[in-house]
Amino acid sequence: MSKKNIFRIIFHNQGNIYEVYAHEVSQGGMYAFVEVADIMFGERSQLVVDPSDEKLKSEFAGVKRTYIPLHAVVRIDEVEKEGQAKIVPAGESKGSNVAPFPMPIKPPAAE
């Protein structure tokens, strides 16, 4: 049985920084979008309930794959094991110097 890759995707969305884990990440068919599929969430049998994890679960409930604008992606890492998915308000992360890309990416002009 082959081991599936696990990716950590950190991106901006509506003033928040999202950190999600997924098995599939690719460039996708739409220009300037990153395609993320098979999003993973923590164990359902945990006794402690994290509100940001629950918010992510409800936001991505029923989603097979999502497309994230390239300029919103902060970083994508391949990791050994799944961590805690979370949503953090952009201004509240300690020591954070993460900012959205200042302008949208435009395709080169056709000559």
PDB file of N, CA and C in Angstrom:
ATOM      1  N   MET A   1       0.849  -1.186   0.000  1.00  0.00           N
ATOM      2  CA  MET A   1       0.000   0.000   0.000  1.00  0.00           C
ATOM      3  C   MET A   1       0.885   1.236   0.000  1.00  0.00           C
ATOM      4  N   SER A   2       0.648   2.137  -0.933  1.00  0.00           N
ATOM      5  CA  SER A   2       1.488   3.329  -1.033  1.00  0.00           C
ATOM      6  C   SER A   2       1.016   4.405  -0.057  1.00  0.00           C
ATOM      7  N   LYS A   3       1.988   5.149   0.434  1.00  0.00           N
ATOM      8  CA  LYS A   3       1.698   6.230   1.382  1.00  0.00           C
ATOM      9  C   LYS A   3       1.330   7.487   0.598  1.00  0.00           C
ATOM     10  N   LYS A   4       0.231   8.133   0.973  1.00  0.00           N
ATOM     11  CA  LYS A   4      -0.191   9.361   0.303  1.00  0.00           C
ATOM     12  C   LYS A   4       0.616  10.551   0.817  1.00  0.00           C
ATOM     13  N   ASN A   5       0.959  11.461  -0.084  1.00  0.00           N
ATOM     14  CA  ASN A   5       1.642  12.687   0.315  1.00  0.00           C
ATOM     15  C   ASN A   5       0.690  13.578   1.096  1.00  0.00           C
ATOM     16  N   ILE A   6       1.250  14.362   2.019  1.00  0.00           N
ATOM     17  CA  ILE A   6       0.461  15.327   2.786  1.00  0.00           C
ATOM     18  C   ILE A   6       1.079  16.699   2.562  1.00  0.00           C
ATOM     19  N   PHE A   7       0.244  17.663   2.182  1.00  0.00           N
ATOM     20  CA  PHE A   7       0.691  19.026   1.931  1.00  0.00           C
ATOM     21  C   PHE A   7       0.027  19.983   2.911  1.00  0.00           C
ATOM     22  N   ARG A   8       0.808  20.965   3.395  1.00  0.00           N
ATOM     23  CA  ARG A   8       0.278  22.054   4.218  1.00  0.00           C
ATOM     24  C   ARG A   8       0.193  23.269   3.303  1.00  0.00           C
ATOM     25  N   ILE A   9      -0.999  23.853   3.187  1.00  0.00           N
ATOM     26  CA  ILE A   9      -1.229  25.013   2.337  1.00  0.00           C
ATOM     27  C   ILE A   9      -1.621  26.181   3.231  1.00  0.00           C
ATOM     28  N   ILE A  10      -0.866  27.267   3.140  1.00  0.00           N
ATOM     29  CA  ILE A  10      -1.161  28.481   3.917  1.00  0.00           C
ATOM     30  C   ILE A  10      -1.530  29.566   2.916  1.00  0.00           C
ATOM     31  N   PHE A  11      -2.708  30.188   3.125  1.00  0.00           N
ATOM     32  CA  PHE A  11      -3.155  31.216   2.184  1.00  0.00           C
ATOM     33  C   PHE A  11      -4.022  32.254   2.886  1.00  0.00           C
ATOM     34  N   HIS A  12      -4.164  33.418   2.232  1.00  0.00           N
ATOM     35  CA  HIS A  12      -5.005  34.518   2.711  1.00  0.00           C
ATOM     36  C   HIS A  12      -6.406  34.364   2.151  1.00  0.00           C
ATOM     37  N   ASN A  13      -7.398  34.686   2.973  1.00  0.00           N
ATOM     38  CA  ASN A  13      -8.777  34.719   2.503  1.00  0.00           C
ATOM     39  C   ASN A  13      -9.574  35.650   3.406  1.00  0.00           C
ATOM     40  N   GLN A  14     -10.076  36.732   2.858  1.00  0.00           N
ATOM     41  CA  GLN A  14     -10.947  37.687   3.545  1.00  0.00           C
ATOM     42  C   GLN A  14     -10.384  38.136   4.898  1.00  0.00           C
ATOM     43  N   GLY A  15      -9.134  38.549   4.922  1.00  0.00           N
ATOM     44  CA  GLY A  15      -8.526  39.087   6.136  1.00  0.00           C
ATOM     45  C   GLY A  15      -8.048  38.044   7.129  1.00  0.00           C
ATOM     46  N   ASN A  16      -8.103  36.774   6.771  1.00  0.00           N
ATOM     47  CA  ASN A  16      -7.641  35.699   7.641  1.00  0.00           C
ATOM     48  C   ASN A  16      -6.538  34.898   6.951  1.00  0.00           C
ATOM     49  N   ILE A  17      -5.726  34.223   7.750  1.00  0.00           N
ATOM     50  CA  ILE A  17      -4.727  33.309   7.216  1.00  0.00           C
ATOM     51  C   ILE A  17      -5.220  31.900   7.499  1.00  0.00           C
ATOM     52  N   TYR A  18      -5.416  31.125   6.450  1.00  0.00           N
ATOM     53  CA  TYR A  18      -5.895  29.752   6.547  1.00  0.00           C
ATOM     54  C   TYR A  18      -4.693  28.813   6.453  1.00  0.00           C
ATOM     55  N   GLU A  19      -4.705  27.773   7.260  1.00  0.00           N
ATOM     56  CA  GLU A  19      -3.720  26.697   7.165  1.00  0.00           C
ATOM     57  C   GLU A  19      -4.503  25.406   7.063  1.00  0.00           C
ATOM     58  N   VAL A  20      -4.423  24.751   5.906  1.00  0.00           N
ATOM     59  CA  VAL A  20      -5.149  23.504   5.681  1.00  0.00           C
ATOM     60  C   VAL A  20      -4.178  22.419   5.221  1.00  0.00           C
ATOM     61  N   TYR A  21      -4.595  21.181   5.382  1.00  0.00           N
ATOM     62  CA  TYR A  21      -3.801  20.030   4.967  1.00  0.00           C
ATOM     63  C   TYR A  21      -4.590  19.255   3.933  1.00  0.00           C
ATOM     64  N   ALA A  22      -3.884  18.792   2.886  1.00  0.00           N
ATOM     65  CA  ALA A  22      -4.546  18.069   1.801  1.00  0.00           C
ATOM     66  C   ALA A  22      -3.604  17.026   1.215  1.00  0.00           C
ATOM     67  N   HIS A  23      -4.201  16.061   0.507  1.00  0.00           N
ATOM     68  CA  HIS A  23      -3.410  15.028  -0.146  1.00  0.00           C
ATOM     69  C   HIS A  23      -3.020  15.413  -1.571  1.00  0.00           C
ATOM     70  N   GLU A  24      -3.756  16.321  -2.192  1.00  0.00           N
ATOM     71  CA  GLU A  24      -3.489  16.680  -3.587  1.00  0.00           C
ATOM     72  C   GLU A  24      -3.388  18.192  -3.753  1.00  0.00           C
ATOM     73  N   VAL A  25      -2.301  18.635  -4.395  1.00  0.00           N
ATOM     74  CA  VAL A  25      -2.112  20.040  -4.750  1.00  0.00           C
ATOM     75  C   VAL A  25      -1.532  20.076  -6.155  1.00  0.00           C
ATOM     76  N   SER A  26      -2.122  20.896  -7.027  1.00  0.00           N
ATOM     77  CA  SER A  26      -1.597  21.006  -8.393  1.00  0.00           C
ATOM     78  C   SER A  26      -1.886  22.390  -8.940  1.00  0.00           C
ATOM     79  N   GLN A  27      -1.321  22.657 -10.112  1.00  0.00           N
ATOM     80  CA  GLN A  27      -1.522  23.955 -10.749  1.00  0.00           C
ATOM     81  C   GLN A  27      -2.954  24.110 -11.221  1.00  0.00           C
ATOM     82  N   GLY A  28      -3.586  23.054 -11.619  1.00  0.00           N
ATOM     83  CA  GLY A  28      -4.988  23.110 -12.024  1.00  0.00           C
ATOM     84  C   GLY A  28      -5.162  23.628 -13.436  1.00  0.00           C
ATOM     85  N   GLY A  29      -6.382  23.580 -13.903  1.00  0.00           N
ATOM     86  CA  GLY A  29      -6.685  23.982 -15.267  1.00  0.00           C
ATOM     87  C   GLY A  29      -6.962  25.466 -15.442  1.00  0.00           C
ATOM     88  N   MET A  30      -7.240  26.172 -14.356  1.00  0.00           N
ATOM     89  CA  MET A  30      -7.518  27.601 -14.447  1.00  0.00           C
ATOM     90  C   MET A  30      -6.239  28.398 -14.229  1.00  0.00           C
ATOM     91  N   TYR A  31      -5.993  29.353 -15.103  1.00  0.00           N
ATOM     92  CA  TYR A  31      -4.785  30.168 -15.021  1.00  0.00           C
ATOM     93  C   TYR A  31      -4.733  30.918 -13.683  1.00  0.00           C
ATOM     94  N   ALA A  32      -3.577  30.907 -13.038  1.00  0.00           N
ATOM     95  CA  ALA A  32      -3.289  31.649 -11.801  1.00  0.00           C
ATOM     96  C   ALA A  32      -4.072  31.136 -10.585  1.00  0.00           C
ATOM     97  N   PHE A  33      -4.450  29.863 -10.585  1.00  0.00           N
ATOM     98  CA  PHE A  33      -5.103  29.251  -9.438  1.00  0.00           C
ATOM     99  C   PHE A  33      -4.367  27.969  -9.053  1.00  0.00           C
ATOM    100  N   VAL A  34      -4.319  27.685  -7.758  1.00  0.00           N
ATOM    101  CA  VAL A  34      -3.769  26.440  -7.241  1.00  0.00           C
ATOM    102  C   VAL A  34      -4.955  25.552  -6.884  1.00  0.00           C
ATOM    103  N   GLU A  35      -4.944  24.326  -7.386  1.00  0.00           N
ATOM    104  CA  GLU A  35      -6.027  23.382  -7.133  1.00  0.00           C
ATOM    105  C   GLU A  35      -5.668  22.524  -5.924  1.00  0.00           C
ATOM    106  N   VAL A  36      -6.558  22.484  -4.942  1.00  0.00           N
ATOM    107  CA  VAL A  36      -6.352  21.700  -3.719  1.00  0.00           C
ATOM    108  C   VAL A  36      -7.517  20.718  -3.596  1.00  0.00           C
ATOM    109  N   ALA A  37      -7.169  19.420  -3.463  1.00  0.00           N
ATOM    110  CA  ALA A  37      -8.201  18.392  -3.358  1.00  0.00           C
ATOM    111  C   ALA A  37      -7.902  17.469  -2.186  1.00  0.00           C
ATOM    112  N   ASP A  38      -8.905  16.746  -1.759  1.00  0.00           N
ATOM    113  CA  ASP A  38      -8.800  15.784  -0.661  1.00  0.00           C
ATOM    114  C   ASP A  38      -8.289  16.471   0.609  1.00  0.00           C
ATOM    115  N   ILE A  39      -9.014  17.503   1.028  1.00  0.00           N
ATOM    116  CA  ILE A  39      -8.654  18.276   2.229  1.00  0.00           C
ATOM    117  C   ILE A  39      -8.851  17.403   3.461  1.00  0.00           C
ATOM    118  N   MET A  40      -7.871  17.470   4.379  1.00  0.00           N
ATOM    119  CA  MET A  40      -7.876  16.632   5.581  1.00  0.00           C
ATOM    120  C   MET A  40      -8.234  17.469   6.800  1.00  0.00           C
ATOM    121  N   PHE A  41      -8.932  16.844   7.744  1.00  0.00           N
ATOM    122  CA  PHE A  41      -9.253  17.467   9.018  1.00  0.00           C
ATOM    123  C   PHE A  41      -8.831  16.537  10.133  1.00  0.00           C
ATOM    124  N   GLY A  42      -8.720  17.067  11.360  1.00  0.00           N
ATOM    125  CA  GLY A  42      -8.272  16.284  12.510  1.00  0.00           C
ATOM    126  C   GLY A  42      -9.191  15.122  12.829  1.00  0.00           C
ATOM    127  N   GLU A  43      -8.753  14.301  13.765  1.00  0.00           N
ATOM    128  CA  GLU A  43      -9.539  13.153  14.215  1.00  0.00           C
ATOM    129  C   GLU A  43     -10.892  13.613  14.743  1.00  0.00           C
ATOM    130  N   ARG A  44     -11.930  12.914  14.376  1.00  0.00           N
ATOM    131  CA  ARG A  44     -13.275  13.269  14.818  1.00  0.00           C
ATOM    132  C   ARG A  44     -13.558  12.802  16.245  1.00  0.00           C
ATOM    133  N   SER A  45     -12.698  11.956  16.806  1.00  0.00           N
ATOM    134  CA  SER A  45     -12.954  11.426  18.141  1.00  0.00           C
ATOM    135  C   SER A  45     -12.256  12.234  19.240  1.00  0.00           C
ATOM    136  N   GLN A  46     -11.708  13.404  18.918  1.00  0.00           N
ATOM    137  CA  GLN A  46     -11.021  14.203  19.923  1.00  0.00           C
ATOM    138  C   GLN A  46     -12.006  14.729  20.961  1.00  0.00           C
ATOM    139  N   LEU A  47     -11.569  14.783  22.207  1.00  0.00           N
ATOM    140  CA  LEU A  47     -12.426  15.303  23.271  1.00  0.00           C
ATOM    141  C   LEU A  47     -12.449  16.823  23.278  1.00  0.00           C
ATOM    142  N   VAL A  48     -11.320  17.448  22.940  1.00  0.00           N
ATOM    143  CA  VAL A  48     -11.235  18.908  22.896  1.00  0.00           C
ATOM    144  C   VAL A  48     -11.625  19.374  21.501  1.00  0.00           C
ATOM    145  N   VAL A  49     -12.572  20.293  21.426  1.00  0.00           N
ATOM    146  CA  VAL A  49     -13.046  20.802  20.150  1.00  0.00           C
ATOM    147  C   VAL A  49     -12.424  22.169  19.909  1.00  0.00           C
ATOM    148  N   ASP A  50     -11.728  22.304  18.783  1.00  0.00           N
ATOM    149  CA  ASP A  50     -11.106  23.578  18.409  1.00  0.00           C
ATOM    150  C   ASP A  50     -12.091  24.354  17.525  1.00  0.00           C
ATOM    151  N   PRO A  51     -12.494  25.566  17.920  1.00  0.00           N
ATOM    152  CA  PRO A  51     -13.470  26.324  17.134  1.00  0.00           C
ATOM    153  C   PRO A  51     -13.004  26.638  15.711  1.00  0.00           C
ATOM    154  N   SER A  52     -11.703  26.933  15.515  1.00  0.00           N
ATOM    155  CA  SER A  52     -11.242  27.251  14.159  1.00  0.00           C
ATOM    156  C   SER A  52     -11.263  26.005  13.282  1.00  0.00           C
ATOM    157  N   ASP A  53     -10.973  24.831  13.850  1.00  0.00           N
ATOM    158  CA  ASP A  53     -11.045  23.583  13.095  1.00  0.00           C
ATOM    159  C   ASP A  53     -12.491  23.293  12.700  1.00  0.00           C
ATOM    160  N   GLU A  54     -13.418  23.528  13.628  1.00  0.00           N
ATOM    161  CA  GLU A  54     -14.838  23.323  13.331  1.00  0.00           C
ATOM    162  C   GLU A  54     -15.324  24.298  12.251  1.00  0.00           C
ATOM    163  N   LYS A  55     -14.827  25.534  12.292  1.00  0.00           N
ATOM    164  CA  LYS A  55     -15.203  26.526  11.276  1.00  0.00           C
ATOM    165  C   LYS A  55     -14.697  26.084   9.904  1.00  0.00           C
ATOM    166  N   LEU A  56     -13.467  25.559   9.850  1.00  0.00           N
ATOM    167  CA  LEU A  56     -12.921  25.052   8.591  1.00  0.00           C
ATOM    168  C   LEU A  56     -13.738  23.874   8.074  1.00  0.00           C
ATOM    169  N   LYS A  57     -14.093  22.958   8.972  1.00  0.00           N
ATOM    170  CA  LYS A  57     -14.880  21.789   8.571  1.00  0.00           C
ATOM    171  C   LYS A  57     -16.211  22.216   7.972  1.00  0.00           C
ATOM    172  N   SER A  58     -16.863  23.174   8.598  1.00  0.00           N
ATOM    173  CA  SER A  58     -18.156  23.619   8.070  1.00  0.00           C
ATOM    174  C   SER A  58     -17.987  24.403   6.770  1.00  0.00           C
ATOM    175  N   GLU A  59     -16.915  25.182   6.660  1.00  0.00           N
ATOM    176  CA  GLU A  59     -16.692  25.965   5.435  1.00  0.00           C
ATOM    177  C   GLU A  59     -16.381  25.068   4.243  1.00  0.00           C
ATOM    178  N   PHE A  60     -15.640  23.982   4.473  1.00  0.00           N
ATOM    179  CA  PHE A  60     -15.250  23.095   3.382  1.00  0.00           C
ATOM    180  C   PHE A  60     -16.077  21.809   3.334  1.00  0.00           C
ATOM    181  N   ALA A  61     -17.208  21.777   4.040  1.00  0.00           N
ATOM    182  CA  ALA A  61     -18.079  20.599   4.020  1.00  0.00           C
ATOM    183  C   ALA A  61     -18.627  20.393   2.606  1.00  0.00           C
ATOM    184  N   GLY A  62     -18.478  19.187   2.096  1.00  0.00           N
ATOM    185  CA  GLY A  62     -18.991  18.863   0.766  1.00  0.00           C
ATOM    186  C   GLY A  62     -18.127  19.336  -0.384  1.00  0.00           C
ATOM    187  N   VAL A  63     -16.965  19.929  -0.105  1.00  0.00           N
ATOM    188  CA  VAL A  63     -16.078  20.434  -1.157  1.00  0.00           C
ATOM    189  C   VAL A  63     -15.140  19.318  -1.603  1.00  0.00           C
ATOM    190  N   LYS A  64     -15.180  18.970  -2.899  1.00  0.00           N
ATOM    191  CA  LYS A  64     -14.283  17.948  -3.432  1.00  0.00           C
ATOM    192  C   LYS A  64     -12.894  18.544  -3.691  1.00  0.00           C
ATOM    193  N   ARG A  65     -12.889  19.712  -4.307  1.00  0.00           N
ATOM    194  CA  ARG A  65     -11.637  20.419  -4.580  1.00  0.00           C
ATOM    195  C   ARG A  65     -11.914  21.911  -4.580  1.00  0.00           C
ATOM    196  N   THR A  66     -10.906  22.675  -4.203  1.00  0.00           N
ATOM    197  CA  THR A  66     -11.051  24.124  -4.171  1.00  0.00           C
ATOM    198  C   THR A  66      -9.921  24.751  -4.977  1.00  0.00           C
ATOM    199  N   TYR A  67     -10.160  25.934  -5.495  1.00  0.00           N
ATOM    200  CA  TYR A  67      -9.171  26.663  -6.290  1.00  0.00           C
ATOM    201  C   TYR A  67      -8.816  27.941  -5.547  1.00  0.00           C
ATOM    202  N   ILE A  68      -7.548  28.085  -5.229  1.00  0.00           N
ATOM    203  CA  ILE A  68      -7.069  29.233  -4.465  1.00  0.00           C
ATOM    204  C   ILE A  68      -6.293  30.137  -5.413  1.00  0.00           C
ATOM    205  N   PRO A  69      -6.599  31.444  -5.448  1.00  0.00           N
ATOM    206  CA  PRO A  69      -5.841  32.347  -6.323  1.00  0.00           C
ATOM    207  C   PRO A  69      -4.351  32.303  -5.967  1.00  0.00           C
ATOM    208  N   LEU A  70      -3.520  32.274  -6.984  1.00  0.00           N
ATOM    209  CA  LEU A  70      -2.081  32.159  -6.801  1.00  0.00           C
ATOM    210  C   LEU A  70      -1.525  33.267  -5.915  1.00  0.00           C
ATOM    211  N   HIS A  71      -2.032  34.491  -6.070  1.00  0.00           N
ATOM    212  CA  HIS A  71      -1.510  35.610  -5.276  1.00  0.00           C
ATOM    213  C   HIS A  71      -1.929  35.535  -3.807  1.00  0.00           C
ATOM    214  N   ALA A  72      -2.891  34.651  -3.457  1.00  0.00           N
ATOM    215  CA  ALA A  72      -3.316  34.497  -2.064  1.00  0.00           C
ATOM    216  C   ALA A  72      -2.483  33.453  -1.324  1.00  0.00           C
ATOM    217  N   VAL A  73      -1.761  32.605  -2.059  1.00  0.00           N
ATOM    218  CA  VAL A  73      -0.975  31.532  -1.436  1.00  0.00           C
ATOM    219  C   VAL A  73       0.279  32.109  -0.806  1.00  0.00           C
ATOM    220  N   VAL A  74       0.507  31.786   0.473  1.00  0.00           N
ATOM    221  CA  VAL A  74       1.710  32.207   1.174  1.00  0.00           C
ATOM    222  C   VAL A  74       2.787  31.153   0.984  1.00  0.00           C
ATOM    223  N   ARG A  75       2.426  29.875   1.224  1.00  0.00           N
ATOM    224  CA  ARG A  75       3.393  28.800   1.021  1.00  0.00           C
ATOM    225  C   ARG A  75       2.690  27.459   0.987  1.00  0.00           C
ATOM    226  N   ILE A  76       3.358  26.496   0.342  1.00  0.00           N
ATOM    227  CA  ILE A  76       2.889  25.118   0.277  1.00  0.00           C
ATOM    228  C   ILE A  76       4.069  24.237   0.651  1.00  0.00           C
ATOM    229  N   ASP A  77       3.884  23.372   1.650  1.00  0.00           N
ATOM    230  CA  ASP A  77       4.933  22.473   2.112  1.00  0.00           C
ATOM    231  C   ASP A  77       4.442  21.042   2.035  1.00  0.00           C
ATOM    232  N   GLU A  78       5.344  20.121   1.663  1.00  0.00           N
ATOM    233  CA  GLU A  78       5.040  18.702   1.803  1.00  0.00           C
ATOM    234  C   GLU A  78       5.546  18.299   3.175  1.00  0.00           C
ATOM    235  N   VAL A  79       4.686  17.715   4.007  1.00  0.00           N
ATOM    236  CA  VAL A  79       5.031  17.415   5.395  1.00  0.00           C
ATOM    237  C   VAL A  79       4.910  15.909   5.659  1.00  0.00           C
ATOM    238  N   GLU A  80       5.504  15.470   6.768  1.00  0.00           N
ATOM    239  CA  GLU A  80       5.480  14.062   7.153  1.00  0.00           C
ATOM    240  C   GLU A  80       4.113  13.624   7.673  1.00  0.00           C
ATOM    241  N   LYS A  81       3.495  14.483   8.503  1.00  0.00           N
ATOM    242  CA  LYS A  81       2.187  14.125   9.054  1.00  0.00           C
ATOM    243  C   LYS A  81       1.308  15.362   9.146  1.00  0.00           C
ATOM    244  N   GLU A  82       0.018  15.106   9.254  1.00  0.00           N
ATOM    245  CA  GLU A  82      -0.979  16.177   9.315  1.00  0.00           C
ATOM    246  C   GLU A  82      -0.868  16.935  10.631  1.00  0.00           C
ATOM    247  N   GLY A  83      -1.003  18.249  10.557  1.00  0.00           N
ATOM    248  CA  GLY A  83      -1.036  19.083  11.748  1.00  0.00           C
ATOM    249  C   GLY A  83      -2.434  19.591  11.991  1.00  0.00           C
ATOM    250  N   GLN A  84      -2.543  20.618  12.806  1.00  0.00           N
ATOM    251  CA  GLN A  84      -3.838  21.196  13.152  1.00  0.00           C
ATOM    252  C   GLN A  84      -4.228  22.244  12.109  1.00  0.00           C
ATOM    253  N   ALA A  85      -5.327  22.026  11.394  1.00  0.00           N
ATOM    254  CA  ALA A  85      -5.844  23.013  10.459  1.00  0.00           C
ATOM    255  C   ALA A  85      -6.401  24.172  11.278  1.00  0.00           C
ATOM    256  N   LYS A  86      -6.212  25.400  10.772  1.00  0.00           N
ATOM    257  CA  LYS A  86      -6.680  26.544  11.555  1.00  0.00           C
ATOM    258  C   LYS A  86      -6.911  27.769  10.693  1.00  0.00           C
ATOM    259  N   ILE A  87      -7.656  28.715  11.272  1.00  0.00           N
ATOM    260  CA  ILE A  87      -7.873  30.033  10.690  1.00  0.00           C
ATOM    261  C   ILE A  87      -7.409  31.039  11.726  1.00  0.00           C
ATOM    262  N   VAL A  88      -6.522  31.954  11.312  1.00  0.00           N
ATOM    263  CA  VAL A  88      -5.998  32.968  12.223  1.00  0.00           C
ATOM    264  C   VAL A  88      -6.244  34.344  11.589  1.00  0.00           C
ATOM    265  N   PRO A  89      -6.837  35.284  12.320  1.00  0.00           N
ATOM    266  CA  PRO A  89      -6.965  36.643  11.768  1.00  0.00           C
ATOM    267  C   PRO A  89      -5.578  37.181  11.416  1.00  0.00           C
ATOM    268  N   ALA A  90      -5.442  37.777  10.243  1.00  0.00           N
ATOM    269  CA  ALA A  90      -4.134  38.195   9.721  1.00  0.00           C
ATOM    270  C   ALA A  90      -3.384  39.124  10.667  1.00  0.00           C
ATOM    271  N   GLY A  91      -4.044  40.009  11.352  1.00  0.00           N
ATOM    272  CA  GLY A  91      -3.378  40.952  12.237  1.00  0.00           C
ATOM    273  C   GLY A  91      -3.012  40.392  13.593  1.00  0.00           C
ATOM    274  N   GLU A  92      -3.546  39.215  13.958  1.00  0.00           N
ATOM    275  CA  GLU A  92      -3.356  38.684  15.297  1.00  0.00           C
ATOM    276  C   GLU A  92      -2.244  37.654  15.434  1.00  0.00           C
ATOM    277  N   SER A  93      -1.655  37.196  14.320  1.00  0.00           N
ATOM    278  CA  SER A  93      -0.616  36.175  14.447  1.00  0.00           C
ATOM    279  C   SER A  93       0.655  36.808  14.998  1.00  0.00           C
ATOM    280  N   LYS A  94       1.200  36.229  16.065  1.00  0.00           N
ATOM    281  CA  LYS A  94       2.362  36.788  16.759  1.00  0.00           C
ATOM    282  C   LYS A  94       3.580  36.847  15.851  1.00  0.00           C
ATOM    283  N   GLY A  95       4.188  38.017  15.768  1.00  0.00           N
ATOM    284  CA  GLY A  95       5.414  38.166  15.008  1.00  0.00           C
ATOM    285  C   GLY A  95       5.248  37.919  13.522  1.00  0.00           C
ATOM    286  N   SER A  96       4.032  37.957  13.044  1.00  0.00           N
ATOM    287  CA  SER A  96       3.798  37.663  11.637  1.00  0.00           C
ATOM    288  C   SER A  96       4.152  38.859  10.771  1.00  0.00           C
ATOM    289  N   ASN A  97       4.823  38.582   9.691  1.00  0.00           N
ATOM    290  CA  ASN A  97       5.108  39.619   8.710  1.00  0.00           C
ATOM    291  C   ASN A  97       4.508  39.226   7.368  1.00  0.00           C
ATOM    292  N   VAL A  98       3.466  38.413   7.391  1.00  0.00           N
ATOM    293  CA  VAL A  98       2.808  37.947   6.188  1.00  0.00           C
ATOM    294  C   VAL A  98       1.832  39.010   5.709  1.00  0.00           C
ATOM    295  N   ALA A  99       1.922  39.331   4.434  1.00  0.00           N
ATOM    296  CA  ALA A  99       1.024  40.314   3.831  1.00  0.00           C
ATOM    297  C   ALA A  99       0.592  39.802   2.467  1.00  0.00           C
ATOM    298  N   PRO A 100      -0.605  40.161   2.002  1.00  0.00           N
ATOM    299  CA  PRO A 100      -1.026  39.713   0.680  1.00  0.00           C
ATOM    300  C   PRO A 100      -0.180  40.360  -0.407  1.00  0.00           C
ATOM    301  N   PHE A 101      -0.051  39.671  -1.539  1.00  0.00           N
ATOM    302  CA  PHE A 101       0.689  40.208  -2.666  1.00  0.00           C
ATOM    303  C   PHE A 101       0.005  41.501  -3.086  1.00  0.00           C
ATOM    304  N   PRO A 102       0.755  42.572  -3.362  1.00  0.00           N
ATOM    305  CA  PRO A 102       0.156  43.888  -3.562  1.00  0.00           C
ATOM    306  C   PRO A 102      -0.707  44.066  -4.796  1.00  0.00           C
ATOM    307  N   MET A 103      -0.572  43.211  -5.812  1.00  0.00           N
ATOM    308  CA  MET A 103      -1.388  43.401  -7.014  1.00  0.00           C
ATOM    309  C   MET A 103      -1.671  42.048  -7.667  1.00  0.00           C
ATOM    310  N   PRO A 104      -2.754  41.958  -8.425  1.00  0.00           N
ATOM    311  CA  PRO A 104      -3.052  40.690  -9.088  1.00  0.00           C
ATOM    312  C   PRO A 104      -2.050  40.406 -10.198  1.00  0.00           C
ATOM    313  N   ILE A 105      -1.855  39.133 -10.456  1.00  0.00           N
ATOM    314  CA  ILE A 105      -0.951  38.716 -11.530  1.00  0.00           C
ATOM    315  C   ILE A 105      -1.730  38.719 -12.834  1.00  0.00           C
ATOM    316  N   LYS A 106      -1.175  39.368 -13.854  1.00  0.00           N
ATOM    317  CA  LYS A 106      -1.831  39.421 -15.153  1.00  0.00           C
ATOM    318  C   LYS A 106      -1.030  38.593 -16.151  1.00  0.00           C
ATOM    319  N   PRO A 107      -1.711  37.928 -17.075  1.00  0.00           N
ATOM    320  CA  PRO A 107      -0.985  37.160 -18.077  1.00  0.00           C
ATOM    321  C   PRO A 107      -0.205  38.102 -19.002  1.00  0.00           C
ATOM    322  N   PRO A 108       0.893  37.631 -19.584  1.00  0.00           N
ATOM    323  CA  PRO A 108       1.651  38.487 -20.494  1.00  0.00           C
ATOM    324  C   PRO A 108       0.807  38.838 -21.713  1.00  0.00           C
ATOM    325  N   ALA A 109       1.043  40.025 -22.240  1.00  0.00           N
ATOM    326  CA  ALA A 109       0.287  40.506 -23.394  1.00  0.00           C
ATOM    327  C   ALA A 109       0.688  39.715 -24.633  1.00  0.00           C
ATOM    328  N   ALA A 110      -0.287  39.373 -25.459  1.00  0.00           N
ATOM    329  CA  ALA A 110      -0.033  38.650 -26.702  1.00  0.00           C
ATOM    330  C   ALA A 110       0.572  39.603 -27.728  1.00  0.00           C
ATOM    331  N   GLU A 111       1.575  39.109 -28.415  1.00  0.00           N
ATOM    332  CA  GLU A 111       2.228  39.976 -29.425  1.00  0.00           C
ATOM    333  C   GLU A 111       1.784  39.638 -30.805  1.00  0.00           C
TER     334      GLU A 111
END
